[in-house]
Amino acid sequence: MTPRVEADLREVHLGAWEGVTFHSRITERDPVAIQCFKEQRWDPIPGSEAYDTLRARVRGVIERIAAAHPDQRIAVFTHGGIIGMIMHLATGCEPFAFIAADNGSLTHLVVTDERWIVRRFNDTGHLHTDLDRPVAPLT
């Protein structure tokens, strides 16, 4: 397989907050961060990507990839904001309901002409954790 970069799978553009840790803004209770969650969109951040633009970009790239690979299984590597939008489009949930995917987690999506089917989200069972270490017997 030859990997290729799909520009439309880049992370959500956060305008004035590019390079800033969004989580720190949440922790600090930044009013704009609070507004983002209240409105379920990134564009309260000055210069950030508009909801409709992001939605169209993500829908378009998923549909293009699916059309280019009918009846095939493919792997896509992307960012949490994009995974969240994919889940929003697939399920009709709140736009921010799934923005907290863990790094390295798996989300399984089946795309048909009629609908998108979510098979799993944020699966981290393949990652090594402290729970994988053997436990010394108690004596």
N, C-alpha and C. Protein backbone atom coordinates (compact mmCIF):
# COMPACT_ATOMS: atom_id res chain seq x y z
N MET A 1 0.84 -1.18 0.00
CA MET A 1 0.00 0.00 0.00
C MET A 1 0.88 1.24 0.00
N THR A 2 0.40 2.24 -0.66
CA THR A 2 1.08 3.52 -0.68
C THR A 2 0.22 4.54 0.03
N PRO A 3 0.68 5.05 1.17
CA PRO A 3 -0.13 6.06 1.86
C PRO A 3 -0.16 7.35 1.08
N ARG A 4 -1.24 8.09 1.25
CA ARG A 4 -1.32 9.42 0.62
C ARG A 4 -1.98 10.38 1.59
N VAL A 5 -1.65 11.63 1.44
CA VAL A 5 -2.21 12.68 2.29
C VAL A 5 -3.51 13.16 1.66
N GLU A 6 -4.54 13.23 2.45
CA GLU A 6 -5.83 13.77 2.02
C GLU A 6 -6.02 15.08 2.77
N ALA A 7 -5.83 16.19 2.09
CA ALA A 7 -5.84 17.51 2.73
C ALA A 7 -7.14 17.79 3.48
N ASP A 8 -8.24 17.27 3.02
CA ASP A 8 -9.52 17.56 3.67
C ASP A 8 -9.71 16.81 4.98
N LEU A 9 -8.75 15.96 5.35
CA LEU A 9 -8.80 15.30 6.66
C LEU A 9 -7.97 16.04 7.70
N ARG A 10 -7.47 17.23 7.33
CA ARG A 10 -6.71 18.03 8.30
C ARG A 10 -7.64 18.43 9.45
N GLU A 11 -7.03 18.77 10.58
CA GLU A 11 -7.81 19.13 11.76
C GLU A 11 -8.61 20.41 11.51
N VAL A 12 -9.61 20.62 12.33
CA VAL A 12 -10.42 21.83 12.30
C VAL A 12 -9.49 23.04 12.44
N HIS A 13 -9.67 24.04 11.60
CA HIS A 13 -8.86 25.26 11.70
C HIS A 13 -9.43 26.13 12.82
N LEU A 14 -8.59 26.44 13.79
CA LEU A 14 -9.04 27.19 14.96
C LEU A 14 -8.65 28.66 14.93
N GLY A 15 -8.31 29.19 13.77
CA GLY A 15 -8.07 30.62 13.63
C GLY A 15 -7.09 31.17 14.64
N ALA A 16 -7.51 32.15 15.42
CA ALA A 16 -6.65 32.82 16.40
C ALA A 16 -6.14 31.86 17.47
N TRP A 17 -6.75 30.69 17.59
CA TRP A 17 -6.33 29.73 18.60
C TRP A 17 -5.45 28.62 18.03
N GLU A 18 -5.04 28.71 16.77
CA GLU A 18 -4.14 27.69 16.22
C GLU A 18 -2.90 27.61 17.08
N GLY A 19 -2.49 26.41 17.43
CA GLY A 19 -1.31 26.20 18.25
C GLY A 19 -1.57 26.35 19.73
N VAL A 20 -2.75 26.79 20.12
CA VAL A 20 -3.11 26.94 21.52
C VAL A 20 -3.81 25.66 21.96
N THR A 21 -3.51 25.22 23.15
CA THR A 21 -4.18 24.03 23.66
C THR A 21 -5.62 24.38 24.02
N PHE A 22 -6.55 23.82 23.27
CA PHE A 22 -7.97 24.09 23.50
C PHE A 22 -8.37 23.68 24.91
N HIS A 23 -7.80 22.57 25.39
CA HIS A 23 -8.15 22.08 26.73
C HIS A 23 -7.78 23.09 27.81
N SER A 24 -6.69 23.80 27.62
CA SER A 24 -6.32 24.81 28.62
C SER A 24 -7.34 25.95 28.62
N ARG A 25 -7.87 26.28 27.47
CA ARG A 25 -8.92 27.32 27.40
C ARG A 25 -10.18 26.86 28.13
N ILE A 26 -10.49 25.58 28.00
CA ILE A 26 -11.65 25.03 28.71
C ILE A 26 -11.40 25.09 30.22
N THR A 27 -10.22 24.63 30.64
CA THR A 27 -9.87 24.63 32.06
C THR A 27 -9.94 26.03 32.65
N GLU A 28 -9.50 27.02 31.87
CA GLU A 28 -9.52 28.42 32.32
C GLU A 28 -10.91 29.04 32.23
N ARG A 29 -11.88 28.26 31.71
CA ARG A 29 -13.26 28.74 31.53
C ARG A 29 -13.31 29.97 30.64
N ASP A 30 -12.50 29.95 29.60
CA ASP A 30 -12.49 31.03 28.63
C ASP A 30 -13.90 31.20 28.07
N PRO A 31 -14.43 32.43 28.05
CA PRO A 31 -15.80 32.64 27.57
C PRO A 31 -16.03 32.17 26.13
N VAL A 32 -15.03 32.28 25.28
CA VAL A 32 -15.19 31.82 23.90
C VAL A 32 -15.26 30.29 23.85
N ALA A 33 -14.45 29.62 24.65
CA ALA A 33 -14.50 28.16 24.71
C ALA A 33 -15.87 27.70 25.21
N ILE A 34 -16.37 28.37 26.20
CA ILE A 34 -17.71 28.03 26.73
C ILE A 34 -18.76 28.25 25.65
N GLN A 35 -18.63 29.34 24.89
CA GLN A 35 -19.56 29.61 23.81
C GLN A 35 -19.48 28.51 22.74
N CYS A 36 -18.27 28.03 22.43
CA CYS A 36 -18.11 26.94 21.46
C CYS A 36 -18.93 25.73 21.87
N PHE A 37 -18.82 25.35 23.14
CA PHE A 37 -19.56 24.18 23.61
C PHE A 37 -21.06 24.44 23.66
N LYS A 38 -21.43 25.63 24.07
CA LYS A 38 -22.85 25.97 24.13
C LYS A 38 -23.49 25.91 22.75
N GLU A 39 -22.79 26.44 21.74
CA GLU A 39 -23.32 26.49 20.38
C GLU A 39 -22.97 25.25 19.56
N GLN A 40 -22.07 24.38 20.10
CA GLN A 40 -21.66 23.16 19.41
C GLN A 40 -21.02 23.47 18.06
N ARG A 41 -20.11 24.45 18.06
CA ARG A 41 -19.41 24.84 16.83
C ARG A 41 -18.11 25.54 17.19
N TRP A 42 -17.15 25.50 16.28
CA TRP A 42 -15.84 26.10 16.52
C TRP A 42 -15.78 27.57 16.15
N ASP A 43 -16.69 28.05 15.34
CA ASP A 43 -16.53 29.39 14.77
C ASP A 43 -16.75 30.58 15.69
N PRO A 44 -17.10 30.40 16.97
CA PRO A 44 -16.98 31.57 17.86
C PRO A 44 -15.52 32.02 18.05
N ILE A 45 -14.57 31.11 17.78
CA ILE A 45 -13.15 31.48 17.85
C ILE A 45 -12.85 32.36 16.64
N PRO A 46 -12.28 33.54 16.85
CA PRO A 46 -12.01 34.46 15.72
C PRO A 46 -11.15 33.78 14.64
N GLY A 47 -11.63 33.86 13.41
CA GLY A 47 -10.90 33.33 12.27
C GLY A 47 -10.96 31.83 12.10
N SER A 48 -11.76 31.16 12.91
CA SER A 48 -11.81 29.69 12.82
C SER A 48 -12.74 29.24 11.69
N GLU A 49 -12.69 27.95 11.44
CA GLU A 49 -13.47 27.36 10.36
C GLU A 49 -14.96 27.36 10.69
N ALA A 50 -15.76 27.84 9.78
CA ALA A 50 -17.21 27.90 9.97
C ALA A 50 -17.79 26.49 9.99
N TYR A 51 -18.84 26.31 10.79
CA TYR A 51 -19.49 25.01 10.92
C TYR A 51 -19.89 24.44 9.55
N ASP A 52 -20.57 25.23 8.72
CA ASP A 52 -21.03 24.73 7.43
C ASP A 52 -19.87 24.34 6.52
N THR A 53 -18.78 25.07 6.58
CA THR A 53 -17.59 24.76 5.78
C THR A 53 -16.98 23.44 6.24
N LEU A 54 -16.83 23.30 7.56
CA LEU A 54 -16.26 22.07 8.12
C LEU A 54 -17.15 20.88 7.79
N ARG A 55 -18.42 21.03 7.98
CA ARG A 55 -19.37 19.95 7.71
C ARG A 55 -19.29 19.50 6.26
N ALA A 56 -19.28 20.45 5.32
CA ALA A 56 -19.20 20.12 3.90
C ALA A 56 -17.86 19.47 3.55
N ARG A 57 -16.79 19.97 4.13
CA ARG A 57 -15.46 19.41 3.87
C ARG A 57 -15.39 17.96 4.31
N VAL A 58 -15.86 17.68 5.52
CA VAL A 58 -15.77 16.32 6.06
C VAL A 58 -16.71 15.37 5.31
N ARG A 59 -17.94 15.80 5.06
CA ARG A 59 -18.86 14.95 4.29
C ARG A 59 -18.26 14.65 2.92
N GLY A 60 -17.73 15.68 2.28
CA GLY A 60 -17.16 15.50 0.94
C GLY A 60 -16.00 14.52 0.91
N VAL A 61 -15.09 14.63 1.86
CA VAL A 61 -13.93 13.76 1.85
C VAL A 61 -14.32 12.31 2.14
N ILE A 62 -15.23 12.09 3.06
CA ILE A 62 -15.67 10.72 3.35
C ILE A 62 -16.37 10.13 2.13
N GLU A 63 -17.22 10.89 1.49
CA GLU A 63 -17.91 10.39 0.30
C GLU A 63 -16.94 10.12 -0.84
N ARG A 64 -15.93 10.98 -1.02
CA ARG A 64 -14.93 10.75 -2.08
C ARG A 64 -14.10 9.50 -1.80
N ILE A 65 -13.68 9.33 -0.56
CA ILE A 65 -12.89 8.16 -0.21
C ILE A 65 -13.72 6.88 -0.41
N ALA A 66 -14.95 6.90 0.05
CA ALA A 66 -15.82 5.72 -0.10
C ALA A 66 -16.06 5.40 -1.58
N ALA A 67 -16.27 6.42 -2.40
CA ALA A 67 -16.51 6.20 -3.83
C ALA A 67 -15.27 5.65 -4.53
N ALA A 68 -14.11 6.05 -4.07
CA ALA A 68 -12.86 5.59 -4.68
C ALA A 68 -12.48 4.17 -4.25
N HIS A 69 -13.12 3.67 -3.19
CA HIS A 69 -12.77 2.36 -2.64
C HIS A 69 -14.02 1.52 -2.37
N PRO A 70 -14.85 1.30 -3.39
CA PRO A 70 -16.08 0.53 -3.15
C PRO A 70 -15.76 -0.89 -2.69
N ASP A 71 -16.49 -1.35 -1.69
CA ASP A 71 -16.33 -2.71 -1.17
C ASP A 71 -14.92 -3.01 -0.68
N GLN A 72 -14.19 -1.97 -0.27
CA GLN A 72 -12.85 -2.18 0.26
C GLN A 72 -12.78 -1.69 1.70
N ARG A 73 -11.83 -2.23 2.41
CA ARG A 73 -11.55 -1.78 3.77
C ARG A 73 -10.31 -0.91 3.69
N ILE A 74 -10.39 0.31 4.23
CA ILE A 74 -9.25 1.22 4.21
C ILE A 74 -9.02 1.77 5.61
N ALA A 75 -7.84 2.31 5.81
CA ALA A 75 -7.50 2.95 7.08
C ALA A 75 -7.28 4.43 6.82
N VAL A 76 -7.84 5.25 7.69
CA VAL A 76 -7.68 6.70 7.61
C VAL A 76 -7.18 7.17 8.97
N PHE A 77 -6.20 8.04 8.94
CA PHE A 77 -5.64 8.59 10.18
C PHE A 77 -5.94 10.08 10.19
N THR A 78 -6.63 10.54 11.23
CA THR A 78 -7.02 11.94 11.28
C THR A 78 -7.09 12.41 12.73
N HIS A 79 -7.69 13.55 12.94
CA HIS A 79 -7.68 14.24 14.23
C HIS A 79 -9.05 14.19 14.92
N GLY A 80 -9.04 14.50 16.22
CA GLY A 80 -10.24 14.41 17.04
C GLY A 80 -11.41 15.27 16.59
N GLY A 81 -11.13 16.49 16.15
CA GLY A 81 -12.21 17.36 15.67
C GLY A 81 -12.88 16.79 14.43
N ILE A 82 -12.09 16.17 13.57
CA ILE A 82 -12.63 15.57 12.34
C ILE A 82 -13.40 14.29 12.68
N ILE A 83 -12.86 13.49 13.59
CA ILE A 83 -13.58 12.29 14.02
C ILE A 83 -14.92 12.70 14.63
N GLY A 84 -14.92 13.75 15.43
CA GLY A 84 -16.16 14.23 16.02
C GLY A 84 -17.18 14.63 14.97
N MET A 85 -16.73 15.32 13.92
CA MET A 85 -17.64 15.73 12.85
C MET A 85 -18.15 14.52 12.07
N ILE A 86 -17.28 13.54 11.84
CA ILE A 86 -17.71 12.31 11.16
C ILE A 86 -18.81 11.63 11.97
N MET A 87 -18.62 11.54 13.26
CA MET A 87 -19.62 10.90 14.12
C MET A 87 -20.92 11.70 14.13
N HIS A 88 -20.81 13.01 14.13
CA HIS A 88 -22.00 13.88 14.06
C HIS A 88 -22.77 13.61 12.77
N LEU A 89 -22.05 13.54 11.66
CA LEU A 89 -22.69 13.29 10.37
C LEU A 89 -23.30 11.89 10.30
N ALA A 90 -22.62 10.92 10.91
CA ALA A 90 -23.10 9.54 10.84
C ALA A 90 -24.29 9.28 11.74
N THR A 91 -24.34 9.96 12.89
CA THR A 91 -25.36 9.63 13.88
C THR A 91 -26.43 10.69 14.07
N GLY A 92 -26.17 11.92 13.65
CA GLY A 92 -27.11 13.00 13.90
C GLY A 92 -27.02 13.52 15.33
N CYS A 93 -25.99 13.12 16.06
CA CYS A 93 -25.81 13.58 17.44
C CYS A 93 -25.40 15.04 17.48
N GLU A 94 -25.28 15.60 18.68
CA GLU A 94 -24.75 16.95 18.85
C GLU A 94 -23.36 17.00 18.21
N PRO A 95 -22.98 18.09 17.58
CA PRO A 95 -21.69 18.16 16.91
C PRO A 95 -20.48 17.88 17.79
N PHE A 96 -20.53 18.20 19.07
CA PHE A 96 -19.38 17.99 19.95
C PHE A 96 -19.49 16.71 20.78
N ALA A 97 -20.48 15.88 20.53
CA ALA A 97 -20.69 14.69 21.36
C ALA A 97 -19.51 13.72 21.32
N PHE A 98 -18.76 13.71 20.22
CA PHE A 98 -17.70 12.73 20.06
C PHE A 98 -16.34 13.38 19.80
N ILE A 99 -16.09 14.57 20.31
CA ILE A 99 -14.81 15.23 20.00
C ILE A 99 -13.66 14.77 20.89
N ALA A 100 -13.88 13.88 21.81
CA ALA A 100 -12.83 13.49 22.76
C ALA A 100 -12.24 12.11 22.46
N ALA A 101 -12.01 11.79 21.20
CA ALA A 101 -11.38 10.51 20.85
C ALA A 101 -9.96 10.48 21.38
N ASP A 102 -9.58 9.35 21.97
CA ASP A 102 -8.22 9.19 22.49
C ASP A 102 -7.23 9.05 21.34
N ASN A 103 -5.99 9.51 21.57
CA ASN A 103 -4.94 9.34 20.57
C ASN A 103 -4.72 7.86 20.32
N GLY A 104 -4.67 7.48 19.07
CA GLY A 104 -4.43 6.08 18.70
C GLY A 104 -5.65 5.20 18.76
N SER A 105 -6.81 5.77 19.08
CA SER A 105 -8.03 4.96 19.16
C SER A 105 -8.54 4.63 17.76
N LEU A 106 -9.40 3.63 17.70
CA LEU A 106 -10.01 3.22 16.43
C LEU A 106 -11.48 3.60 16.42
N THR A 107 -11.90 4.16 15.30
CA THR A 107 -13.31 4.39 15.03
C THR A 107 -13.61 3.66 13.73
N HIS A 108 -14.63 2.84 13.72
CA HIS A 108 -14.97 2.01 12.57
C HIS A 108 -16.27 2.53 11.96
N LEU A 109 -16.19 2.94 10.71
CA LEU A 109 -17.33 3.49 10.01
C LEU A 109 -17.55 2.71 8.72
N VAL A 110 -18.77 2.32 8.47
CA VAL A 110 -19.14 1.68 7.20
C VAL A 110 -19.95 2.69 6.43
N VAL A 111 -19.53 3.00 5.20
CA VAL A 111 -20.21 3.99 4.38
C VAL A 111 -20.90 3.28 3.23
N THR A 112 -22.22 3.45 3.16
CA THR A 112 -23.00 2.90 2.04
C THR A 112 -23.63 4.08 1.31
N ASP A 113 -24.27 3.78 0.19
CA ASP A 113 -24.97 4.85 -0.54
C ASP A 113 -26.11 5.43 0.28
N GLU A 114 -26.72 4.61 1.14
CA GLU A 114 -27.88 5.04 1.91
C GLU A 114 -27.53 5.72 3.23
N ARG A 115 -26.45 5.27 3.87
CA ARG A 115 -26.15 5.81 5.20
C ARG A 115 -24.72 5.49 5.61
N TRP A 116 -24.32 6.11 6.72
CA TRP A 116 -23.05 5.81 7.37
C TRP A 116 -23.37 5.05 8.64
N ILE A 117 -22.68 3.96 8.86
CA ILE A 117 -22.94 3.09 10.01
C ILE A 117 -21.72 3.09 10.92
N VAL A 118 -21.92 3.43 12.19
CA VAL A 118 -20.84 3.42 13.16
C VAL A 118 -20.78 2.03 13.79
N ARG A 119 -19.65 1.36 13.64
CA ARG A 119 -19.45 0.04 14.24
C ARG A 119 -18.74 0.13 15.58
N ARG A 120 -17.86 1.13 15.73
CA ARG A 120 -17.21 1.37 17.01
C ARG A 120 -16.60 2.76 17.02
N PHE A 121 -16.43 3.27 18.24
CA PHE A 121 -15.85 4.59 18.45
C PHE A 121 -14.87 4.53 19.61
N ASN A 122 -13.73 5.16 19.44
CA ASN A 122 -12.74 5.35 20.51
C ASN A 122 -12.29 4.03 21.13
N ASP A 123 -12.15 3.00 20.32
CA ASP A 123 -11.69 1.70 20.80
C ASP A 123 -10.19 1.78 21.04
N THR A 124 -9.76 1.54 22.28
CA THR A 124 -8.34 1.57 22.62
C THR A 124 -7.85 0.21 23.11
N GLY A 125 -8.62 -0.83 22.85
CA GLY A 125 -8.26 -2.16 23.32
C GLY A 125 -6.92 -2.66 22.78
N HIS A 126 -6.47 -2.13 21.66
CA HIS A 126 -5.21 -2.56 21.06
C HIS A 126 -3.99 -1.85 21.67
N LEU A 127 -4.21 -0.85 22.49
CA LEU A 127 -3.11 -0.09 23.08
C LEU A 127 -2.67 -0.70 24.40
N HIS A 128 -1.39 -0.67 24.66
CA HIS A 128 -0.85 -1.19 25.91
C HIS A 128 -1.19 -0.22 27.04
N THR A 129 -1.69 -0.74 28.14
CA THR A 129 -2.00 0.08 29.30
C THR A 129 -1.41 -0.57 30.53
N ASP A 130 -1.44 0.13 31.65
CA ASP A 130 -0.99 -0.43 32.92
C ASP A 130 -1.81 -1.65 33.31
N LEU A 131 -3.03 -1.74 32.82
CA LEU A 131 -3.88 -2.88 33.15
C LEU A 131 -3.36 -4.16 32.51
N ASP A 132 -2.48 -4.03 31.49
CA ASP A 132 -1.94 -5.19 30.81
C ASP A 132 -0.80 -5.88 31.58
N ARG A 133 -0.24 -5.17 32.56
CA ARG A 133 0.88 -5.74 33.32
C ARG A 133 0.38 -6.81 34.28
N PRO A 134 1.18 -7.86 34.42
CA PRO A 134 0.78 -8.90 35.39
C PRO A 134 0.77 -8.33 36.81
N VAL A 135 -0.13 -8.84 37.59
CA VAL A 135 -0.26 -8.39 38.98
C VAL A 135 0.44 -9.43 39.86
N ALA A 136 1.30 -8.95 40.76
CA ALA A 136 1.99 -9.86 41.68
C ALA A 136 0.97 -10.45 42.63
N PRO A 137 1.10 -11.75 42.90
CA PRO A 137 0.14 -12.38 43.84
C PRO A 137 0.28 -11.81 45.24
N LEU A 138 -0.82 -11.69 45.93
CA LEU A 138 -0.80 -11.24 47.33
C LEU A 138 -0.45 -12.43 48.20
N THR A 139 0.45 -12.24 49.15
CA THR A 139 0.81 -13.34 50.04
C THR A 139 0.56 -12.97 51.47
